[in-house]
Amino acid sequence: MADAPFRPFDTHLDEAAALATLRAATAGADDGELFLERRRGESIVLDDGRIRNASYDASEGFGLRAVRGEVAGYAHSTEISASALIRASETARLAVGDGGGTMAASPKGTNIKLYTDADPMADATFPVKIDMLKEIDAFARALDPRVVQVSASLGASLQEVEILRPEGLRLTDIRPMARLNVSVIVEEQGRREQGGMGGGGRYGLARLMLPETWQPMVREALRIALVNLSAEAAPAGIMDVVLGPGWPGILLHEAIGHGLEGDFNRKETSAFAGLMGSRIAARGVTVLDDGTIPDRRGSISVDDEGTPSARNVLIEDGILVGYMQDRQNARLMGVAPTGNGRRESFAHIPMPRMTNTYMLAGKDDPAGIVASLTDGIYAVGFGGGQVDITNGKFVFSCTEAYRVRNGKIGAAVKGATLIGDGATALKQIRAIGNDLALDPGIGNCGKAGQWVPVGVGQPTLLIGGLTVGGSAA
């Protein structure tokens, strides 16, 4: 039986009293809100046919914020009650001091619905979910006798949000999430390699539990593992690199996207600070952050301050035209908020964050891009990476990559890392494919200790002069 809808002003608080408390906390402030949240989630991990972990978590609480200039007072509690709210207001109020601010304009309301309100966990019973994971295990092993280990995980959550603003505006958003991950380890002649694949989005588990959905994921995880089984040591040196479409956009997200968030630019700690209107990328490069794509992992109907999500152009034909903004940084920079004020939960303060960040397609044929590569790397899968926001320098490890010579894709290479900086890489893009693809729905983004779900994407790209780190000369 599904839980009753989250209605904190019916079950926990009197709305008029809560609004009065919020107004007292934000009197003389520039901005502020009461953010209420209930979150429920489950996760099941099957490892080699056995349940390794099964969990169900539930939490609820509120966060109250009062903003004055560059300072924000924030207090949160897992107890949603009038007394807890009064205590929080007294704490948040400390940031306002004697006041003197002018309350920022309220966000515009929206009726947009980008995803279902239904509980994704209610699509199947626990035994049915276990049986499906066991089917994945059996299916993977039947595909190839070299499979020695299979892990599969299924997760779903429902986040219910209410936002109350000092002028009396109330906004609600109900955000589902589902995800399936498969990992396969193969062994041949004593050598073991791994491949993984996953997917998900803001919809129910039913879509992921269809054989026509999970079987291709298993086949892809196995294919990657077998590719790595025959991979050679990666070369090292400065060379041209072709990035495949879709998930390789994670490099764009990390090396460029964070540098285009408003707070880093307001504080002038980004490599792109002060460059608005300047050419920062090659011609043809257009980058967007778009939180309005239906069912996508990074999409949000409204952000965590109540601003409707938007399709924001950041770079247009190589020219920097926009940053991603929350309300505080937008006000301080004299621009409009862009619907990018996000937080991990009620226990966290909002800040400018990406949603779905991707580069638009160009006109080049992807096969022709690879064929133009004289001596380099074709990278189609990425794992972890590190980025320094202040200078855009990045290091990314490849999970699937190939050596290319004279336009011919050769042996797979193992242990390749791509090293460079976002500002330089943008200007060294030499070809943009016509095959834009978004990732399968697996992205998470960390910033200042907070994690939020995101999406990435790009077409096939040719980038000149990246440093490739490897184990072969």
Protein backbone atom coordinates (compact mmCIF):
# COMPACT_ATOMS: atom_id res chain seq x y z
CA MET A 1 0.00 0.00 0.00
CA ALA A 2 1.44 3.38 -1.05
CA ASP A 3 2.12 6.03 1.58
CA ALA A 4 -0.23 9.01 1.80
CA PRO A 5 0.90 12.13 -0.11
CA PHE A 6 3.29 14.44 1.69
CA ARG A 7 1.19 17.39 2.85
CA PRO A 8 3.17 19.06 5.63
CA PHE A 9 0.72 21.95 5.97
CA ASP A 10 -2.13 19.52 6.55
CA THR A 11 -0.36 17.12 8.89
CA HIS A 12 2.57 18.96 10.54
CA LEU A 13 2.19 22.73 10.32
CA ASP A 14 -0.43 25.43 10.16
CA GLU A 15 0.35 27.27 6.93
CA ALA A 16 -0.55 30.72 8.21
CA ALA A 17 1.61 30.28 11.33
CA ALA A 18 4.51 28.86 9.28
CA LEU A 19 4.30 31.80 6.89
CA ALA A 20 4.35 34.26 9.79
CA THR A 21 7.46 32.56 11.20
CA LEU A 22 9.16 32.63 7.81
CA ARG A 23 8.34 36.30 7.35
CA ALA A 24 9.79 37.12 10.77
CA ALA A 25 12.99 35.26 9.85
CA THR A 26 13.34 37.08 6.53
CA ALA A 27 12.18 40.58 7.49
CA GLY A 28 14.75 42.95 6.00
CA ALA A 29 16.40 40.10 4.06
CA ASP A 30 17.04 39.89 0.32
CA ASP A 31 15.60 36.40 -0.04
CA GLY A 32 14.66 33.24 1.77
CA GLU A 33 12.34 30.26 1.80
CA LEU A 34 11.07 27.30 3.77
CA PHE A 35 11.97 24.04 2.04
CA LEU A 36 10.13 20.91 3.21
CA GLU A 37 10.98 17.45 1.97
CA ARG A 38 10.05 13.81 2.34
CA ARG A 39 12.21 11.19 0.66
CA ARG A 40 11.82 7.43 0.44
CA GLY A 41 14.13 5.06 -1.35
CA GLU A 42 15.08 1.44 -1.75
CA SER A 43 18.14 -0.36 -3.07
CA ILE A 44 18.77 -4.03 -3.80
CA VAL A 45 22.18 -5.41 -4.75
CA LEU A 46 22.58 -8.96 -6.04
CA ASP A 47 26.13 -10.28 -6.25
CA ASP A 48 26.76 -13.72 -7.77
CA GLY A 49 23.19 -14.82 -7.28
CA ARG A 50 22.95 -13.74 -3.65
CA ILE A 51 21.47 -10.65 -2.08
CA ARG A 52 24.41 -8.65 -0.81
CA ASN A 53 22.37 -5.68 0.37
CA ALA A 54 18.72 -4.69 0.56
CA SER A 55 17.70 -1.42 2.15
CA TYR A 56 14.76 0.92 2.50
CA ASP A 57 15.26 4.43 3.80
CA ALA A 58 12.84 7.20 4.66
CA SER A 59 13.48 10.73 5.85
CA GLU A 60 11.69 14.02 6.16
CA GLY A 61 12.53 17.46 7.40
CA PHE A 62 12.78 21.14 6.56
CA GLY A 63 15.37 23.79 5.91
CA LEU A 64 14.77 27.51 6.51
CA ARG A 65 16.98 30.10 4.83
CA ALA A 66 17.35 33.86 5.19
CA VAL A 67 19.70 35.64 2.77
CA ARG A 68 21.24 39.08 3.15
CA GLY A 69 23.85 40.11 0.59
CA GLU A 70 26.48 37.40 0.29
CA VAL A 71 25.54 35.84 3.63
CA ALA A 72 22.92 33.14 4.13
CA GLY A 73 21.60 31.91 7.44
CA TYR A 74 20.37 28.33 7.29
CA ALA A 75 18.88 25.97 9.82
CA HIS A 76 17.32 22.55 9.29
CA SER A 77 15.56 19.90 11.30
CA THR A 78 14.16 16.39 10.93
CA GLU A 79 11.27 17.47 13.16
CA ILE A 80 8.58 19.27 11.21
CA SER A 81 6.75 21.21 13.90
CA ALA A 82 5.92 24.77 14.85
CA SER A 83 8.43 24.79 17.70
CA ALA A 84 11.25 23.44 15.53
CA LEU A 85 10.43 26.01 12.86
CA ILE A 86 10.58 28.86 15.39
CA ARG A 87 14.00 27.68 16.62
CA ALA A 88 15.24 27.47 13.03
CA SER A 89 13.95 30.93 12.22
CA GLU A 90 15.86 32.42 15.15
CA THR A 91 19.08 30.85 13.86
CA ALA A 92 18.59 31.80 10.22
CA ARG A 93 17.64 35.33 11.27
CA LEU A 94 21.18 35.93 12.55
CA ALA A 95 22.38 36.35 8.95
CA VAL A 96 19.95 39.23 8.37
CA GLY A 97 21.06 41.34 11.32
CA ASP A 98 19.43 44.75 11.26
CA GLY A 99 18.02 44.08 7.82
CA GLY A 100 17.91 46.77 5.18
CA GLY A 101 17.55 44.40 2.24
CA THR A 102 14.87 44.34 -0.42
CA MET A 103 13.14 41.02 -0.95
CA ALA A 104 13.88 39.59 -4.38
CA ALA A 105 10.99 39.06 -6.75
CA SER A 106 9.13 35.81 -6.41
CA PRO A 107 9.80 33.09 -8.99
CA LYS A 108 7.15 32.69 -11.64
CA GLY A 109 4.80 29.78 -11.16
CA THR A 110 4.68 26.90 -13.60
CA ASN A 111 2.37 24.03 -14.42
CA ILE A 112 5.07 22.09 -16.21
CA LYS A 113 5.15 18.34 -15.51
CA LEU A 114 8.28 16.62 -16.77
CA TYR A 115 7.73 13.28 -15.05
CA THR A 116 5.15 11.15 -13.30
CA ASP A 117 4.01 11.63 -9.70
CA ALA A 118 3.73 7.86 -9.21
CA ASP A 119 5.88 6.04 -6.67
CA PRO A 120 8.51 4.15 -8.71
CA MET A 121 8.98 1.58 -5.94
CA ALA A 122 5.35 0.46 -6.20
CA ASP A 123 5.79 -1.03 -9.68
CA ALA A 124 6.72 -4.48 -8.35
CA THR A 125 6.87 -6.44 -5.12
CA PHE A 126 10.16 -7.20 -3.42
CA PRO A 127 10.19 -10.90 -4.51
CA VAL A 128 9.58 -9.89 -8.14
CA LYS A 129 12.51 -7.46 -8.01
CA ILE A 130 14.77 -10.18 -6.60
CA ASP A 131 13.67 -12.62 -9.31
CA MET A 132 14.49 -10.06 -12.00
CA LEU A 133 18.00 -9.54 -10.63
CA LYS A 134 18.52 -13.30 -10.57
CA GLU A 135 17.37 -13.45 -14.18
CA ILE A 136 20.05 -10.89 -15.03
CA ASP A 137 22.69 -13.05 -13.35
CA ALA A 138 21.59 -16.18 -15.23
CA PHE A 139 21.27 -14.35 -18.54
CA ALA A 140 24.80 -12.91 -18.31
CA ARG A 141 26.36 -16.27 -17.50
CA ALA A 142 24.51 -17.95 -20.36
CA LEU A 143 25.88 -15.42 -22.84
CA ASP A 144 29.54 -16.39 -22.44
CA PRO A 145 31.33 -19.11 -20.44
CA ARG A 146 34.07 -16.62 -19.55
CA VAL A 147 31.70 -14.76 -17.21
CA VAL A 148 32.86 -15.46 -13.66
CA GLN A 149 31.04 -12.79 -11.67
CA VAL A 150 27.85 -10.78 -12.09
CA SER A 151 26.56 -7.92 -9.97
CA ALA A 152 23.25 -6.19 -10.50
CA SER A 153 21.63 -3.43 -8.50
CA LEU A 154 18.18 -1.92 -8.64
CA GLY A 155 17.29 1.33 -6.94
CA ALA A 156 14.35 3.71 -6.79
CA SER A 157 13.33 6.75 -4.79
CA LEU A 158 10.60 9.34 -4.49
CA GLN A 159 11.35 12.88 -3.35
CA GLU A 160 8.38 15.08 -2.42
CA VAL A 161 9.08 18.78 -2.03
CA GLU A 162 7.09 21.79 -0.76
CA ILE A 163 8.54 25.30 -0.94
CA LEU A 164 6.96 28.22 0.92
CA ARG A 165 8.19 31.76 0.18
CA PRO A 166 7.78 34.91 2.31
CA GLU A 167 5.28 36.47 -0.12
CA GLY A 168 3.04 33.43 0.38
CA LEU A 169 3.82 31.50 -2.81
CA ARG A 170 3.73 27.72 -2.36
CA LEU A 171 5.27 25.33 -4.85
CA THR A 172 5.22 21.54 -4.97
CA ASP A 173 7.27 19.01 -6.89
CA ILE A 174 7.20 15.22 -6.75
CA ARG A 175 10.35 13.66 -8.21
CA PRO A 176 10.66 9.95 -8.95
CA MET A 177 13.92 8.21 -9.78
CA ALA A 178 14.80 4.68 -10.90
CA ARG A 179 18.10 3.10 -11.84
CA LEU A 180 19.52 -0.28 -12.85
CA ASN A 181 23.23 -1.15 -12.94
CA VAL A 182 24.92 -4.29 -14.22
CA SER A 183 28.57 -5.28 -13.81
CA VAL A 184 30.19 -8.31 -15.42
CA ILE A 185 33.66 -9.78 -14.80
CA VAL A 186 35.16 -12.16 -17.37
CA GLU A 187 38.25 -14.33 -17.10
CA GLU A 188 40.47 -15.91 -19.73
CA GLN A 189 43.90 -17.48 -19.19
CA GLY A 190 44.14 -15.98 -15.72
CA ARG A 191 43.32 -12.44 -16.82
CA ARG A 192 40.19 -10.77 -15.46
CA GLU A 193 38.46 -7.68 -16.79
CA GLN A 194 35.25 -5.86 -15.96
CA GLY A 195 32.52 -4.15 -17.91
CA GLY A 196 29.55 -2.21 -16.64
CA MET A 197 26.37 -0.62 -17.93
CA GLY A 198 23.45 1.15 -16.33
CA GLY A 199 20.51 3.36 -16.99
CA GLY A 200 17.59 5.12 -15.44
CA GLY A 201 15.59 8.29 -15.16
CA ARG A 202 12.59 9.96 -13.58
CA TYR A 203 10.11 7.15 -14.10
CA GLY A 204 9.02 3.90 -12.50
CA LEU A 205 10.96 0.67 -12.09
CA ALA A 206 8.58 -1.04 -14.51
CA ARG A 207 10.45 0.35 -17.52
CA LEU A 208 13.79 -0.96 -16.27
CA MET A 209 12.39 -4.38 -15.40
CA LEU A 210 11.35 -5.15 -18.97
CA PRO A 211 13.63 -7.78 -20.61
CA GLU A 212 13.91 -5.53 -23.67
CA THR A 213 15.45 -2.90 -21.38
CA TRP A 214 17.80 -4.90 -19.16
CA GLN A 215 19.00 -7.52 -21.65
CA PRO A 216 20.75 -4.94 -23.87
CA MET A 217 22.39 -3.52 -20.72
CA VAL A 218 23.76 -6.96 -19.85
CA ARG A 219 25.03 -7.50 -23.40
CA GLU A 220 26.74 -4.12 -23.37
CA ALA A 221 28.40 -4.76 -20.00
CA LEU A 222 29.69 -8.09 -21.32
CA ARG A 223 30.90 -6.51 -24.57
CA ILE A 224 32.94 -3.91 -22.67
CA ALA A 225 34.44 -6.58 -20.43
CA LEU A 226 35.47 -8.69 -23.45
CA VAL A 227 36.95 -5.64 -25.19
CA ASN A 228 39.10 -4.95 -22.14
CA LEU A 229 40.10 -8.61 -21.98
CA SER A 230 42.11 -8.18 -25.18
CA ALA A 231 43.19 -4.58 -24.57
CA GLU A 232 46.82 -3.53 -24.89
CA ALA A 233 48.72 -1.05 -22.76
CA ALA A 234 47.71 2.50 -23.56
CA PRO A 235 50.21 4.81 -25.26
CA ALA A 236 51.45 8.00 -23.67
CA GLY A 237 52.03 11.38 -25.20
CA ILE A 238 50.31 14.37 -26.76
CA MET A 239 47.89 13.31 -29.47
CA ASP A 240 44.54 13.99 -31.05
CA VAL A 241 41.55 12.32 -29.42
CA VAL A 242 38.10 11.46 -30.72
CA LEU A 243 35.42 11.26 -28.04
CA GLY A 244 32.36 9.14 -28.69
CA PRO A 245 28.80 10.45 -28.26
CA GLY A 246 26.71 10.32 -25.09
CA TRP A 247 28.38 9.48 -21.78
CA PRO A 248 31.80 10.97 -22.75
CA GLY A 249 29.98 14.26 -22.19
CA ILE A 250 30.94 13.73 -18.55
CA LEU A 251 34.26 15.34 -19.51
CA LEU A 252 32.32 18.38 -20.75
CA HIS A 253 30.33 18.42 -17.50
CA GLU A 254 33.35 18.35 -15.25
CA ALA A 255 35.97 20.31 -17.18
CA ILE A 256 33.66 23.03 -18.48
CA GLY A 257 30.25 22.84 -16.78
CA HIS A 258 31.39 23.55 -13.24
CA GLY A 259 33.37 26.52 -14.50
CA LEU A 260 30.14 28.02 -15.86
CA GLU A 261 28.27 27.94 -12.54
CA GLY A 262 27.41 31.39 -11.24
CA ASP A 263 29.05 31.27 -7.81
CA PHE A 264 32.51 30.44 -9.18
CA ASN A 265 32.25 33.31 -11.66
CA ARG A 266 30.91 35.83 -9.17
CA LYS A 267 33.81 35.03 -6.88
CA GLU A 268 36.17 35.04 -9.90
CA THR A 269 37.53 31.60 -9.07
CA SER A 270 36.52 30.08 -12.41
CA ALA A 271 38.76 29.90 -15.46
CA PHE A 272 35.86 31.52 -17.35
CA ALA A 273 35.31 34.48 -14.99
CA GLY A 274 35.03 37.83 -16.72
CA LEU A 275 34.77 36.31 -20.20
CA MET A 276 31.06 36.87 -20.88
CA GLY A 277 30.64 37.68 -24.57
CA SER A 278 34.11 36.41 -25.44
CA ARG A 279 35.03 33.51 -27.68
CA ILE A 280 35.98 30.63 -25.40
CA ALA A 281 35.46 27.71 -27.79
CA ALA A 282 35.86 26.77 -31.43
CA ARG A 283 33.20 27.83 -33.91
CA GLY A 284 30.25 25.48 -33.95
CA VAL A 285 30.46 24.68 -30.24
CA THR A 286 27.10 25.28 -28.56
CA VAL A 287 26.63 24.04 -25.00
CA LEU A 288 23.35 23.98 -23.08
CA ASP A 289 22.15 23.13 -19.61
CA ASP A 290 18.58 21.94 -19.92
CA GLY A 291 16.47 20.85 -16.98
CA THR A 292 13.28 20.57 -19.02
CA ILE A 293 13.82 17.27 -20.86
CA PRO A 294 11.01 14.86 -19.87
CA ASP A 295 11.95 11.85 -17.73
CA ARG A 296 15.68 12.63 -17.74
CA ARG A 297 17.73 11.98 -14.61
CA GLY A 298 18.90 15.59 -14.29
CA SER A 299 15.55 17.21 -15.04
CA ILE A 300 13.54 19.19 -12.49
CA SER A 301 10.15 20.86 -12.90
CA VAL A 302 11.24 23.59 -10.48
CA ASP A 303 14.59 23.96 -8.77
CA ASP A 304 15.01 23.80 -5.00
CA GLU A 305 14.28 27.51 -4.64
CA GLY A 306 11.06 27.34 -6.68
CA THR A 307 12.39 28.73 -9.97
CA PRO A 308 11.08 26.79 -12.99
CA SER A 309 13.76 24.82 -14.81
CA ALA A 310 14.89 26.14 -18.19
CA ARG A 311 16.78 25.40 -21.37
CA ASN A 312 19.79 27.64 -20.81
CA VAL A 313 22.35 28.33 -23.54
CA LEU A 314 25.81 28.66 -22.00
CA ILE A 315 28.06 28.76 -25.06
CA GLU A 316 26.69 29.70 -28.49
CA ASP A 317 28.83 29.07 -31.56
CA GLY A 318 31.90 29.32 -29.35
CA ILE A 319 30.84 32.54 -27.54
CA LEU A 320 30.19 32.53 -23.78
CA VAL A 321 26.62 33.81 -23.38
CA GLY A 322 25.42 32.58 -19.99
CA TYR A 323 26.15 31.13 -16.58
CA MET A 324 24.00 28.81 -14.48
CA GLN A 325 22.47 30.75 -11.60
CA ASP A 326 20.63 30.26 -8.35
CA ARG A 327 18.71 33.19 -6.89
CA GLN A 328 21.43 34.56 -4.60
CA ASN A 329 24.23 34.65 -7.17
CA ALA A 330 21.89 35.92 -9.89
CA ARG A 331 20.83 38.85 -7.70
CA LEU A 332 24.42 39.70 -6.78
CA MET A 333 25.47 39.55 -10.45
CA GLY A 334 22.47 41.56 -11.66
CA VAL A 335 21.00 38.81 -13.84
CA ALA A 336 17.98 36.52 -13.74
CA PRO A 337 18.04 33.13 -11.99
CA THR A 338 18.14 30.23 -14.46
CA GLY A 339 16.49 27.43 -12.49
CA ASN A 340 19.79 25.92 -11.33
CA GLY A 341 19.44 26.41 -7.55
CA ARG A 342 19.75 22.84 -6.31
CA ARG A 343 20.41 21.08 -3.02
CA GLU A 344 20.97 17.48 -2.01
CA SER A 345 18.26 17.53 0.65
CA PHE A 346 16.53 19.68 3.26
CA ALA A 347 19.75 19.53 5.29
CA HIS A 348 21.68 21.43 2.61
CA ILE A 349 21.70 24.99 1.34
CA PRO A 350 21.01 25.54 -2.39
CA MET A 351 23.74 26.57 -4.81
CA PRO A 352 24.18 26.81 -8.60
CA ARG A 353 24.26 23.26 -10.01
CA MET A 354 23.96 21.64 -13.43
CA THR A 355 20.93 19.66 -14.60
CA ASN A 356 21.39 18.04 -18.04
CA THR A 357 24.47 19.57 -19.68
CA TYR A 358 25.27 18.78 -23.29
CA MET A 359 26.77 20.03 -26.55
CA LEU A 360 24.58 20.35 -29.61
CA ALA A 361 25.29 18.29 -32.73
CA GLY A 362 27.34 19.60 -35.61
CA LYS A 363 27.37 18.58 -39.26
CA ASP A 364 30.32 16.17 -39.45
CA ASP A 365 29.93 12.47 -40.14
CA PRO A 366 31.15 10.49 -37.08
CA ALA A 367 32.84 7.83 -39.21
CA GLY A 368 34.58 10.56 -41.14
CA ILE A 369 35.82 12.15 -37.92
CA VAL A 370 37.47 8.89 -36.87
CA ALA A 371 38.84 8.37 -40.39
CA SER A 372 40.52 11.79 -40.19
CA LEU A 373 42.56 10.74 -37.16
CA THR A 374 46.15 10.03 -38.23
CA ASP A 375 47.52 8.83 -34.90
CA GLY A 376 45.49 9.08 -31.72
CA ILE A 377 42.90 7.65 -29.38
CA TYR A 378 39.20 6.96 -29.85
CA ALA A 379 37.61 7.11 -26.38
CA VAL A 380 34.01 5.97 -25.99
CA GLY A 381 33.74 5.20 -22.26
CA PHE A 382 34.85 7.08 -19.15
CA GLY A 383 35.18 6.32 -15.47
CA GLY A 384 36.28 8.66 -12.71
CA GLY A 385 37.97 11.99 -13.10
CA GLN A 386 39.35 14.97 -11.23
CA VAL A 387 38.97 18.65 -12.09
CA ASP A 388 40.39 21.88 -10.65
CA ILE A 389 37.64 24.48 -11.08
CA THR A 390 40.04 27.43 -10.80
CA ASN A 391 41.99 26.51 -13.92
CA GLY A 392 39.85 23.83 -15.54
CA LYS A 393 42.60 21.22 -15.49
CA PHE A 394 41.23 17.68 -15.70
CA VAL A 395 42.32 14.05 -15.56
CA PHE A 396 39.87 11.39 -16.76
CA SER A 397 40.29 7.64 -16.97
CA CYS A 398 38.94 5.77 -20.00
CA THR A 399 36.96 2.57 -19.50
CA GLU A 400 36.83 1.83 -23.24
CA ALA A 401 39.27 3.28 -25.76
CA TYR A 402 41.03 2.29 -28.98
CA ARG A 403 44.24 3.21 -30.78
CA VAL A 404 43.66 4.80 -34.17
CA ARG A 405 46.32 4.98 -36.91
CA ASN A 406 45.74 6.38 -40.39
CA GLY A 407 42.02 6.52 -39.78
CA LYS A 408 41.72 2.85 -38.86
CA ILE A 409 40.44 1.76 -35.44
CA GLY A 410 42.95 -0.71 -34.04
CA ALA A 411 43.40 -2.54 -30.77
CA ALA A 412 41.61 -1.59 -27.59
CA VAL A 413 43.86 0.11 -25.05
CA LYS A 414 43.76 -0.22 -21.29
CA GLY A 415 44.80 2.30 -18.66
CA ALA A 416 44.41 5.43 -20.81
CA THR A 417 43.87 8.77 -19.10
CA LEU A 418 43.07 12.08 -20.76
CA ILE A 419 44.79 15.15 -19.33
CA GLY A 420 44.16 18.76 -20.25
CA ASP A 421 42.22 21.86 -19.28
CA GLY A 422 38.69 22.78 -20.27
CA ALA A 423 39.43 26.24 -21.66
CA THR A 424 42.11 24.93 -24.01
CA ALA A 425 40.18 21.80 -24.98
CA LEU A 426 37.15 23.91 -26.04
CA LYS A 427 39.30 25.87 -28.48
CA GLN A 428 40.92 22.72 -29.86
CA ILE A 429 37.68 21.08 -30.98
CA ARG A 430 38.21 20.45 -34.68
CA ALA A 431 35.14 18.45 -35.66
CA ILE A 432 31.62 18.04 -34.26
CA GLY A 433 29.54 15.02 -35.22
CA ASN A 434 25.89 14.98 -36.22
CA ASP A 435 25.15 12.22 -33.69
CA LEU A 436 24.23 13.98 -30.44
CA ALA A 437 23.33 11.45 -27.74
CA LEU A 438 22.50 11.80 -24.07
CA ASP A 439 23.87 9.45 -21.43
CA PRO A 440 21.73 6.45 -20.35
CA GLY A 441 20.81 8.05 -17.01
CA ILE A 442 23.65 7.26 -14.61
CA GLY A 443 25.18 10.62 -13.67
CA ASN A 444 25.78 12.03 -10.20
CA CYS A 445 27.52 15.32 -9.49
CA GLY A 446 29.38 16.35 -6.36
CA LYS A 447 30.01 19.91 -5.23
CA ALA A 448 30.83 21.26 -1.78
CA GLY A 449 29.92 17.91 -0.24
CA GLN A 450 26.49 17.75 -1.91
CA TRP A 451 25.40 15.17 -4.50
CA VAL A 452 22.62 15.64 -7.04
CA PRO A 453 21.54 13.58 -10.08
CA VAL A 454 22.56 15.02 -13.46
CA GLY A 455 22.62 14.19 -17.14
CA VAL A 456 25.30 14.72 -19.79
CA GLY A 457 25.57 14.39 -23.54
CA GLN A 458 27.47 15.28 -26.67
CA PRO A 459 28.06 14.25 -30.28
CA THR A 460 31.28 12.66 -31.50
CA LEU A 461 34.10 15.20 -31.09
CA LEU A 462 37.66 15.53 -32.36
CA ILE A 463 39.89 17.40 -29.91
CA GLY A 464 43.44 18.18 -30.86
CA GLY A 465 46.49 18.01 -28.66
CA LEU A 466 45.32 16.34 -25.45
CA THR A 467 47.85 14.64 -23.23
CA VAL A 468 47.23 10.90 -23.04
CA GLY A 469 48.64 9.14 -20.00
CA GLY A 470 49.31 5.43 -20.34
CA SER A 471 51.72 2.64 -19.58
CA ALA A 472 53.27 2.26 -23.04
CA ALA A 473 55.80 4.58 -24.61
